[in-house]
Amino acid sequence: MITTLSVGLKQPKKQLQSFIVLPACAKDVSKAISFCNKHSLDLAVCGGGHATSGSSSSDGGACIDLSRINQVTVDAEAKTITAGGGALWRDVDSEAEKYGLATVGGTVNHTGIGGLTLGGGYGYLTPAHGLVIDNLLAVEYVLADGQIVTASDNENQDLFWAARGAGTCFGVATSFVYRAHEQKDPVWAAMVRFEDHQLPAVVEYGNRYLEIGEEKSLLLVAFTKVPGFGDAPSLIAVLFYNGLEDAARSFYDALFKLNPAILIMSEMPYSAMNSLINEGLDHGLRRSMKGSAFAIPLELATVTKIHKDFTDFVFDHKDADMSTALIEFFPYANIMKIPQTATAFANRGAYGNLLYIMTWTKPELDDICRGKARLWTAEVQGEFQKTRSTLHSAGKIDAVTNEAVGEYMNYDGFGSDGDKMFGVNYPRLKELKMRYDPKNLFNKGPKLM
């Protein structure tokens, strides 16, 4: 146990914990929880330290840093991956790759597996295999009373249900077991840049792309500064295809006919794909993430406003020119195969995700950057809810999307209202929270009491 801030320890918001615990196993975590209960300490849990909300740290309380519980083992015959709660996705990717396997695991590989998993989890393999939680077979938890339990389809089923989407609210996850999938061949990736006047064509392509719903692919579109292309945010696209280059180029042919500047294009191992956009989320800068669902088809007017507002802000605040506005076109058919109430995660539906990643260095911009991202996100969320209401009234919406909340907890759901984040699953989660954590020791996620 460390009682003062250690040099080099990950601190997303630089809050000063009174105690920092570096456990080596679940029993150590149990002892730390008992200590916190005895001394009425606020508790935070840090996995990869990617949360921008401050949920990985506690001002004056205790932080359990799981970084030493990072072992990864693969059962090639059973096609399962077991990973410690403090592992990063690069640990999982590299070990699974030795056996020609992979699992769904984010788009930035220095993210911790714990937070991403317990909040739902989107990744490059989501179109083919669903969310991270749809590939989760079991989780080892240390509960608020110090008990160490396993939750799966066969034991503690209620807790396993809650873990898949609201998991940070119920305990410290010290181990995960994932379903693995064959991934012996390389994948194909590209990063390309378009001119601003091509935005209408890119938006049209994105809408058409979601209609096709190719599960081997993923399309990300972003406004972000690109070295060598001036100070303004560039319009770029990240293209993924789980196959070889000829098939990938054929699939994305309509996009390449726009003659974009090719920044990156190559076949590569899946593990390398999962590091392609790491640089934009490196540790050490001030950062805030805010996100919302967007209705489809995505309206050109909506994207044009996003582009203008974001570009104007970056020009007015040069210190924030490392920020990114990201539009995620996830083919959603395999996400929607799971009913909205089958797991605690309540964000399944026929739509895409928008994410603002605000990045800056000066403390005086803290409130400004966070406030702008919050405002812009609220505007898109308002459009999403309005469109969904219109479709509902016209009887043109499917049952899964109709029940969706339109918000992804991992895009800064810290401190948000539980009913807003979990929708139809909120009443059951409240009951389970009272059973497993009646004193709200695990209070860094959406409010369940």
Protein backbone atom coordinates (compact mmCIF):
# COMPACT_ATOMS: atom_id res chain seq x y z
CA MET A 1 0.00 0.00 0.00
CA ILE A 2 1.26 3.46 -0.93
CA THR A 3 0.20 6.41 1.19
CA THR A 4 1.35 9.29 -0.99
CA LEU A 5 1.23 9.90 -4.73
CA SER A 6 4.04 7.94 -6.38
CA VAL A 7 6.08 9.37 -9.20
CA GLY A 8 4.92 7.91 -12.50
CA LEU A 9 1.68 6.34 -11.25
CA LYS A 10 -1.22 6.84 -13.65
CA GLN A 11 -3.46 9.67 -12.45
CA PRO A 12 -6.11 10.68 -15.01
CA LYS A 13 -7.29 13.75 -13.08
CA LYS A 14 -4.35 14.07 -10.64
CA GLN A 15 -6.60 13.70 -7.62
CA LEU A 16 -4.63 12.81 -4.50
CA GLN A 17 -5.61 9.51 -2.96
CA SER A 18 -4.78 8.95 0.70
CA PHE A 19 -4.07 5.30 -0.10
CA ILE A 20 -3.08 3.53 -3.30
CA VAL A 21 -3.20 -0.26 -3.26
CA LEU A 22 -1.31 -2.40 -5.78
CA PRO A 23 -2.80 -5.88 -5.27
CA ALA A 24 -1.32 -9.03 -6.77
CA CYS A 25 -4.45 -11.17 -6.50
CA ALA A 26 -8.14 -11.15 -5.64
CA LYS A 27 -7.40 -11.84 -1.95
CA ASP A 28 -5.34 -8.64 -1.80
CA VAL A 29 -8.27 -6.75 -3.30
CA SER A 30 -10.57 -8.25 -0.68
CA LYS A 31 -8.28 -7.03 2.11
CA ALA A 32 -8.20 -3.55 0.58
CA ILE A 33 -11.99 -3.43 0.41
CA SER A 34 -12.24 -4.50 4.05
CA PHE A 35 -9.80 -1.70 4.94
CA CYS A 36 -11.91 0.85 3.07
CA ASN A 37 -15.07 -0.34 4.78
CA LYS A 38 -13.46 -0.21 8.22
CA HIS A 39 -12.21 3.34 7.74
CA SER A 40 -15.16 4.65 5.65
CA LEU A 41 -12.91 5.53 2.72
CA ASP A 42 -14.18 6.49 -0.70
CA LEU A 43 -12.97 3.87 -3.19
CA ALA A 44 -11.90 4.04 -6.82
CA VAL A 45 -10.58 1.28 -9.07
CA CYS A 46 -7.97 1.88 -11.78
CA GLY A 47 -7.40 -0.56 -14.63
CA GLY A 48 -5.94 1.07 -17.72
CA GLY A 49 -6.56 4.61 -16.48
CA HIS A 50 -8.38 5.67 -19.66
CA ALA A 51 -11.46 7.14 -18.00
CA THR A 52 -11.55 10.92 -18.45
CA SER A 53 -14.29 11.39 -15.85
CA GLY A 54 -12.06 10.87 -12.81
CA SER A 55 -13.69 7.54 -12.00
CA SER A 56 -10.27 5.88 -11.69
CA SER A 57 -9.25 8.13 -8.80
CA SER A 58 -10.58 9.34 -5.47
CA ASP A 59 -9.90 12.70 -3.88
CA GLY A 60 -8.80 11.83 -0.35
CA GLY A 61 -9.95 8.22 -0.53
CA ALA A 62 -8.35 5.00 -1.74
CA CYS A 63 -7.52 3.68 -5.20
CA ILE A 64 -7.08 0.02 -6.04
CA ASP A 65 -4.66 -0.05 -8.98
CA LEU A 66 -5.05 -3.42 -10.73
CA SER A 67 -2.01 -3.09 -12.99
CA ARG A 68 -0.21 -6.03 -11.34
CA ILE A 69 -3.13 -8.39 -11.97
CA ASN A 70 -2.44 -8.55 -15.69
CA GLN A 71 -1.79 -12.21 -16.53
CA VAL A 72 -3.33 -13.57 -19.75
CA THR A 73 -3.73 -17.27 -20.59
CA VAL A 74 -5.28 -18.91 -23.64
CA ASP A 75 -7.01 -22.27 -23.92
CA ALA A 76 -6.60 -22.91 -27.64
CA GLU A 77 -8.73 -26.04 -27.62
CA ALA A 78 -11.66 -24.46 -25.78
CA LYS A 79 -11.08 -21.14 -27.58
CA THR A 80 -11.18 -19.08 -24.41
CA ILE A 81 -8.99 -16.27 -23.07
CA THR A 82 -8.61 -15.65 -19.33
CA ALA A 83 -7.22 -12.23 -18.41
CA GLY A 84 -6.52 -10.46 -15.14
CA GLY A 85 -8.59 -7.39 -14.36
CA GLY A 86 -5.58 -5.09 -14.76
CA ALA A 87 -4.56 -6.34 -18.20
CA LEU A 88 -4.56 -4.05 -21.21
CA TRP A 89 -6.03 -5.05 -24.55
CA ARG A 90 -2.54 -5.26 -26.05
CA ASP A 91 -1.78 -7.99 -23.49
CA VAL A 92 -4.86 -9.92 -24.61
CA ASP A 93 -4.24 -9.36 -28.33
CA SER A 94 -0.60 -10.42 -28.27
CA GLU A 95 -1.18 -13.59 -26.26
CA ALA A 96 -4.23 -14.67 -28.29
CA GLU A 97 -2.34 -14.03 -31.52
CA LYS A 98 0.16 -16.77 -30.62
CA TYR A 99 -2.69 -19.27 -31.03
CA GLY A 100 -4.29 -17.73 -34.12
CA LEU A 101 -7.14 -16.33 -32.01
CA ALA A 102 -8.67 -12.96 -31.15
CA THR A 103 -11.61 -11.56 -29.26
CA VAL A 104 -13.57 -8.30 -29.43
CA GLY A 105 -11.49 -5.68 -27.66
CA GLY A 106 -11.74 -1.97 -28.35
CA THR A 107 -9.97 0.19 -30.92
CA VAL A 108 -7.10 1.48 -28.73
CA ASN A 109 -4.97 -1.28 -27.27
CA HIS A 110 -3.53 0.54 -24.26
CA THR A 111 -7.04 0.69 -22.82
CA GLY A 112 -7.67 -1.49 -19.77
CA ILE A 113 -9.87 -4.52 -20.37
CA GLY A 114 -11.90 -3.98 -17.19
CA GLY A 115 -13.64 -0.69 -17.81
CA LEU A 116 -14.25 -1.38 -21.49
CA THR A 117 -15.71 -4.80 -20.76
CA LEU A 118 -17.91 -3.84 -17.82
CA GLY A 119 -19.37 -0.92 -19.77
CA GLY A 120 -20.25 -2.94 -22.88
CA GLY A 121 -17.33 -2.62 -25.26
CA TYR A 122 -17.19 -1.84 -28.99
CA GLY A 123 -14.24 -2.91 -31.17
CA TYR A 124 -13.11 -3.71 -34.69
CA LEU A 125 -14.58 -7.21 -34.40
CA THR A 126 -17.95 -5.99 -33.07
CA PRO A 127 -19.68 -6.15 -36.48
CA ALA A 128 -18.84 -9.87 -36.66
CA HIS A 129 -19.08 -10.93 -33.02
CA GLY A 130 -21.07 -8.29 -31.13
CA LEU A 131 -19.96 -6.31 -28.11
CA VAL A 132 -17.20 -7.31 -25.71
CA ILE A 133 -19.86 -8.38 -23.18
CA ASP A 134 -21.43 -10.63 -25.80
CA ASN A 135 -18.16 -12.57 -25.77
CA LEU A 136 -17.77 -12.57 -21.98
CA LEU A 137 -18.15 -16.03 -20.43
CA ALA A 138 -17.33 -15.32 -16.79
CA VAL A 139 -16.03 -12.65 -14.43
CA GLU A 140 -14.38 -12.98 -11.03
CA TYR A 141 -15.60 -10.27 -8.67
CA VAL A 142 -14.58 -9.03 -5.26
CA LEU A 143 -17.81 -7.72 -3.75
CA ALA A 144 -18.45 -4.86 -1.34
CA ASP A 145 -18.33 -7.23 1.65
CA GLY A 146 -15.00 -8.69 0.52
CA GLN A 147 -16.39 -11.94 -0.86
CA ILE A 148 -14.68 -13.36 -3.95
CA VAL A 149 -17.22 -14.84 -6.35
CA THR A 150 -17.51 -15.94 -9.97
CA ALA A 151 -20.40 -14.74 -12.10
CA SER A 152 -21.41 -16.56 -15.28
CA ASP A 153 -24.41 -18.15 -16.95
CA ASN A 154 -24.05 -21.01 -14.46
CA GLU A 155 -23.50 -19.20 -11.15
CA ASN A 156 -24.52 -15.85 -9.71
CA GLN A 157 -26.53 -15.24 -12.87
CA ASP A 158 -28.05 -11.98 -11.63
CA LEU A 159 -24.60 -10.57 -10.99
CA PHE A 160 -23.42 -11.75 -14.40
CA TRP A 161 -26.38 -9.98 -15.98
CA ALA A 162 -25.46 -6.75 -14.16
CA ALA A 163 -21.76 -7.11 -14.95
CA ARG A 164 -22.48 -6.91 -18.66
CA GLY A 165 -23.07 -3.18 -18.97
CA ALA A 166 -23.16 -1.89 -15.38
CA GLY A 167 -20.27 -3.90 -14.01
CA THR A 168 -18.32 -1.10 -12.34
CA CYS A 169 -21.24 -0.53 -9.95
CA PHE A 170 -21.07 -3.98 -8.35
CA GLY A 171 -17.50 -4.86 -7.42
CA VAL A 172 -13.87 -5.09 -8.45
CA ALA A 173 -13.45 -7.41 -11.43
CA THR A 174 -10.18 -9.28 -10.97
CA SER A 175 -10.50 -11.76 -13.86
CA PHE A 176 -12.40 -12.16 -17.11
CA VAL A 177 -12.97 -15.17 -19.36
CA TYR A 178 -13.70 -14.35 -23.02
CA ARG A 179 -14.82 -16.39 -26.00
CA ALA A 180 -12.09 -16.34 -28.66
CA HIS A 181 -12.46 -16.51 -32.44
CA GLU A 182 -10.12 -17.78 -35.13
CA GLN A 183 -7.92 -15.01 -36.50
CA LYS A 184 -5.04 -16.69 -38.29
CA ASP A 185 -4.93 -14.40 -41.32
CA PRO A 186 -3.90 -10.74 -41.34
CA VAL A 187 -6.46 -7.97 -41.55
CA TRP A 188 -6.41 -4.92 -43.81
CA ALA A 189 -6.45 -1.32 -42.64
CA ALA A 190 -6.28 2.13 -44.16
CA MET A 191 -6.37 5.71 -42.97
CA VAL A 192 -7.32 8.20 -45.69
CA ARG A 193 -7.88 11.95 -45.87
CA PHE A 194 -10.58 13.76 -47.84
CA GLU A 195 -11.00 17.40 -48.77
CA ASP A 196 -13.70 19.31 -46.90
CA HIS A 197 -15.84 19.69 -50.03
CA GLN A 198 -16.10 15.89 -50.17
CA LEU A 199 -17.98 15.72 -46.86
CA PRO A 200 -21.40 15.16 -48.52
CA ALA A 201 -20.03 12.17 -50.45
CA VAL A 202 -18.43 10.71 -47.32
CA VAL A 203 -21.67 11.05 -45.33
CA GLU A 204 -23.63 9.47 -48.18
CA TYR A 205 -21.14 6.61 -48.25
CA GLY A 206 -21.41 6.12 -44.49
CA ASN A 207 -25.19 5.80 -44.67
CA ARG A 208 -24.94 3.35 -47.55
CA TYR A 209 -22.27 1.43 -45.66
CA LEU A 210 -24.60 0.85 -42.70
CA GLU A 211 -27.34 -0.36 -45.05
CA ILE A 212 -24.94 -3.00 -46.41
CA GLY A 213 -23.89 -4.07 -42.91
CA GLU A 214 -20.76 -6.01 -43.88
CA GLU A 215 -19.65 -7.75 -40.68
CA LYS A 216 -16.03 -8.08 -41.84
CA SER A 217 -15.64 -4.31 -41.88
CA LEU A 218 -15.68 -1.17 -39.75
CA LEU A 219 -15.76 2.49 -40.77
CA LEU A 220 -14.70 5.40 -38.55
CA VAL A 221 -14.91 9.00 -39.78
CA ALA A 222 -13.21 11.80 -37.88
CA PHE A 223 -12.38 15.47 -37.85
CA THR A 224 -8.87 15.78 -36.44
CA LYS A 225 -5.60 17.57 -37.14
CA VAL A 226 -3.24 15.67 -39.45
CA PRO A 227 0.48 16.59 -39.57
CA GLY A 228 1.43 18.09 -42.91
CA PHE A 229 -2.10 19.21 -43.81
CA GLY A 230 -2.35 22.59 -42.09
CA ASP A 231 -3.83 23.72 -38.78
CA ALA A 232 -7.48 22.95 -39.50
CA PRO A 233 -9.02 19.60 -38.56
CA SER A 234 -8.93 17.23 -41.52
CA LEU A 235 -11.71 14.93 -42.66
CA ILE A 236 -10.29 11.42 -42.33
CA ALA A 237 -11.60 7.87 -42.40
CA VAL A 238 -10.23 4.75 -40.74
CA LEU A 239 -11.12 1.63 -42.72
CA PHE A 240 -10.98 -1.92 -41.38
CA TYR A 241 -11.56 -5.17 -43.24
CA ASN A 242 -11.08 -8.66 -41.85
CA GLY A 243 -9.61 -10.06 -45.03
CA LEU A 244 -6.89 -9.49 -47.61
CA GLU A 245 -6.22 -6.30 -49.57
CA ASP A 246 -7.91 -7.21 -52.85
CA ALA A 247 -11.21 -7.99 -51.13
CA ALA A 248 -10.91 -4.90 -48.94
CA ARG A 249 -10.18 -2.54 -51.83
CA SER A 250 -13.12 -4.00 -53.72
CA PHE A 251 -15.44 -3.51 -50.75
CA TYR A 252 -14.37 0.12 -50.20
CA ASP A 253 -14.15 0.87 -53.94
CA ALA A 254 -16.77 3.64 -53.90
CA LEU A 255 -14.83 5.47 -51.21
CA PHE A 256 -11.51 5.15 -53.03
CA LYS A 257 -13.13 6.53 -56.18
CA LEU A 258 -13.20 9.86 -54.32
CA ASN A 259 -9.38 9.80 -54.59
CA PRO A 260 -8.51 10.45 -50.94
CA ALA A 261 -4.95 11.00 -49.79
CA ILE A 262 -3.71 7.68 -48.42
CA LEU A 263 -2.02 8.13 -45.05
CA ILE A 264 -1.80 4.44 -44.13
CA MET A 265 -2.77 1.31 -46.08
CA SER A 266 -1.54 -2.17 -45.35
CA GLU A 267 -2.29 -5.73 -44.38
CA MET A 268 -1.29 -6.31 -40.75
CA PRO A 269 -1.90 -8.60 -37.77
CA TYR A 270 -5.09 -7.88 -35.85
CA SER A 271 -2.96 -6.85 -32.86
CA ALA A 272 -1.37 -4.10 -34.96
CA MET A 273 -4.78 -2.94 -36.16
CA ASN A 274 -5.78 -2.46 -32.55
CA SER A 275 -2.92 0.01 -32.11
CA LEU A 276 -3.50 2.07 -35.24
CA ILE A 277 -5.12 5.07 -33.51
CA ASN A 278 -3.29 4.76 -30.17
CA GLU A 279 -1.41 8.02 -30.57
CA GLY A 280 -4.53 10.14 -30.33
CA LEU A 281 -5.27 8.78 -26.85
CA ASP A 282 -1.83 8.60 -25.27
CA HIS A 283 -1.63 9.27 -21.53
CA GLY A 284 -0.39 12.57 -20.14
CA LEU A 285 -2.73 15.25 -21.55
CA ARG A 286 -5.90 16.85 -20.22
CA ARG A 287 -8.78 15.07 -21.89
CA SER A 288 -12.57 14.75 -21.79
CA MET A 289 -14.77 12.34 -23.75
CA LYS A 290 -18.47 12.89 -24.38
CA GLY A 291 -20.65 10.83 -26.70
CA SER A 292 -24.12 10.18 -28.03
CA ALA A 293 -25.94 7.98 -30.49
CA PHE A 294 -26.84 9.48 -33.86
CA ALA A 295 -29.93 8.57 -35.82
CA ILE A 296 -29.61 6.98 -39.24
CA PRO A 297 -29.55 7.93 -41.95
CA LEU A 298 -27.08 10.51 -40.66
CA GLU A 299 -28.18 13.92 -41.90
CA LEU A 300 -25.64 15.98 -43.84
CA ALA A 301 -26.82 19.11 -42.01
CA THR A 302 -25.95 17.48 -38.69
CA VAL A 303 -22.42 16.57 -39.77
CA THR A 304 -21.88 19.96 -41.41
CA LYS A 305 -22.75 21.67 -38.12
CA ILE A 306 -20.49 19.30 -36.17
CA HIS A 307 -17.64 20.11 -38.55
CA LYS A 308 -18.17 23.89 -38.40
CA ASP A 309 -18.62 24.10 -34.63
CA PHE A 310 -15.62 21.88 -33.98
CA THR A 311 -13.34 23.65 -36.48
CA ASP A 312 -14.31 27.11 -35.20
CA PHE A 313 -13.62 26.04 -31.62
CA VAL A 314 -10.18 24.65 -32.46
CA PHE A 315 -9.24 27.83 -34.33
CA ASP A 316 -10.33 29.92 -31.33
CA HIS A 317 -8.54 27.66 -28.81
CA LYS A 318 -5.24 26.55 -30.35
CA ASP A 319 -4.32 24.60 -27.23
CA ALA A 320 -7.19 22.22 -28.01
CA ASP A 321 -6.14 21.49 -31.59
CA MET A 322 -5.29 17.87 -30.67
CA SER A 323 -9.00 17.18 -30.15
CA THR A 324 -11.07 14.84 -32.32
CA ALA A 325 -14.71 14.52 -33.31
CA LEU A 326 -15.32 10.87 -34.17
CA ILE A 327 -18.29 9.34 -36.01
CA GLU A 328 -18.50 5.57 -35.60
CA PHE A 329 -20.33 3.54 -38.23
CA PHE A 330 -20.70 0.14 -36.53
CA PRO A 331 -22.71 -2.44 -38.50
CA TYR A 332 -25.20 -3.31 -35.78
CA ALA A 333 -26.98 -6.54 -36.79
CA ASN A 334 -25.00 -8.77 -34.44
CA ILE A 335 -25.30 -6.27 -31.60
CA MET A 336 -29.07 -6.31 -31.98
CA LYS A 337 -29.33 -10.11 -31.94
CA ILE A 338 -29.17 -9.83 -28.15
CA PRO A 339 -32.41 -8.48 -26.60
CA GLN A 340 -32.18 -5.14 -24.77
CA THR A 341 -33.00 -6.77 -21.44
CA ALA A 342 -30.71 -9.81 -21.80
CA THR A 343 -27.82 -7.83 -20.26
CA ALA A 344 -27.66 -4.61 -18.26
CA PHE A 345 -26.25 -2.80 -21.31
CA ALA A 346 -29.14 -0.81 -22.78
CA ASN A 347 -27.57 0.81 -25.84
CA ARG A 348 -28.32 -1.74 -28.55
CA GLY A 349 -29.98 -0.34 -31.62
CA ALA A 350 -29.96 0.63 -35.28
CA TYR A 351 -27.80 3.73 -35.04
CA GLY A 352 -24.19 4.90 -34.80
CA ASN A 353 -22.07 6.55 -32.12
CA LEU A 354 -20.61 10.06 -32.04
CA LEU A 355 -17.68 10.82 -29.73
CA TYR A 356 -15.92 14.08 -28.90
CA ILE A 357 -12.39 13.54 -27.58
CA MET A 358 -11.38 16.95 -26.27
CA THR A 359 -7.63 17.25 -25.64
CA TRP A 360 -5.73 20.22 -24.23
CA THR A 361 -2.89 21.20 -21.85
CA LYS A 362 -3.88 24.44 -20.08
CA PRO A 363 -5.95 24.24 -16.86
CA GLU A 364 -7.85 27.39 -17.78
CA LEU A 365 -9.49 25.49 -20.64
CA ASP A 366 -10.85 22.72 -18.39
CA ASP A 367 -14.39 24.03 -18.06
CA ILE A 368 -14.49 25.41 -21.60
CA CYS A 369 -13.51 22.16 -23.32
CA ARG A 370 -15.73 19.99 -21.14
CA GLY A 371 -18.63 22.37 -21.51
CA LYS A 372 -18.41 22.53 -25.29
CA ALA A 373 -18.26 18.76 -25.65
CA ARG A 374 -21.24 18.44 -23.31
CA LEU A 375 -23.22 21.02 -25.31
CA TRP A 376 -22.45 19.48 -28.70
CA THR A 377 -23.26 15.99 -27.45
CA ALA A 378 -26.58 17.16 -26.03
CA GLU A 379 -27.51 18.63 -29.41
CA VAL A 380 -26.92 15.32 -31.20
CA GLN A 381 -28.67 13.39 -28.44
CA GLY A 382 -31.67 15.70 -28.80
CA GLU A 383 -31.83 15.00 -32.54
CA PHE A 384 -31.56 11.26 -31.89
CA GLN A 385 -34.41 11.26 -29.37
CA LYS A 386 -36.59 13.41 -31.64
CA THR A 387 -36.04 11.12 -34.63
CA ARG A 388 -36.74 8.02 -32.56
CA SER A 389 -39.95 9.54 -31.22
CA THR A 390 -41.09 10.33 -34.75
CA LEU A 391 -40.33 6.78 -35.93
CA HIS A 392 -42.13 5.35 -32.91
CA SER A 393 -45.23 7.40 -33.62
CA ALA A 394 -45.20 6.21 -37.22
CA GLY A 395 -44.70 2.57 -36.19
CA LYS A 396 -41.41 2.43 -38.10
CA ILE A 397 -39.00 1.46 -35.34
CA ASP A 398 -37.88 -1.99 -34.22
CA ALA A 399 -38.41 -3.14 -30.64
CA VAL A 400 -34.71 -3.17 -29.70
CA THR A 401 -33.97 0.37 -30.91
CA ASN A 402 -37.21 1.59 -29.36
CA GLU A 403 -35.94 0.58 -25.90
CA ALA A 404 -32.37 1.85 -26.37
CA VAL A 405 -31.00 4.74 -24.32
CA GLY A 406 -28.80 6.13 -27.11
CA GLU A 407 -25.83 6.66 -24.78
CA TYR A 408 -22.72 4.56 -24.23
CA MET A 409 -21.58 4.45 -20.60
CA ASN A 410 -17.89 4.27 -21.47
CA TYR A 411 -18.20 7.63 -23.21
CA ASP A 412 -18.26 9.31 -19.79
CA GLY A 413 -21.28 7.90 -17.99
CA PHE A 414 -19.66 8.77 -14.64
CA GLY A 415 -22.17 10.24 -12.22
CA SER A 416 -25.02 10.18 -14.72
CA ASP A 417 -28.51 9.15 -13.69
CA GLY A 418 -28.99 5.40 -13.79
CA ASP A 419 -32.38 5.57 -15.47
CA LYS A 420 -30.88 7.68 -18.26
CA MET A 421 -28.00 5.24 -18.83
CA PHE A 422 -29.85 1.95 -18.34
CA GLY A 423 -33.43 2.64 -19.39
CA VAL A 424 -35.59 -0.48 -19.21
CA ASN A 425 -32.91 -2.25 -17.16
CA TYR A 426 -32.74 0.40 -14.43
CA PRO A 427 -35.36 -1.05 -12.02
CA ARG A 428 -33.66 -4.45 -11.92
CA LEU A 429 -30.24 -2.84 -11.48
CA LYS A 430 -31.51 -0.82 -8.50
CA GLU A 431 -32.70 -4.01 -6.81
CA LEU A 432 -29.39 -5.77 -7.45
CA LYS A 433 -27.42 -2.77 -6.21
CA MET A 434 -29.26 -2.93 -2.88
CA ARG A 435 -28.44 -6.63 -2.63
CA TYR A 436 -24.77 -6.53 -3.59
CA ASP A 437 -23.64 -3.04 -2.56
CA PRO A 438 -26.20 -1.45 -0.18
CA LYS A 439 -23.73 1.18 1.08
CA ASN A 440 -22.74 2.22 -2.46
CA LEU A 441 -19.04 1.52 -2.01
CA PHE A 442 -18.69 1.27 -5.80
CA ASN A 443 -20.00 4.74 -6.62
CA LYS A 444 -17.96 5.78 -9.64
CA GLY A 445 -20.43 4.65 -12.28
CA PRO A 446 -23.95 5.82 -13.11
CA LYS A 447 -26.11 6.43 -10.04
CA LEU A 448 -28.11 3.38 -8.98
CA MET A 449 -29.09 4.73 -5.55
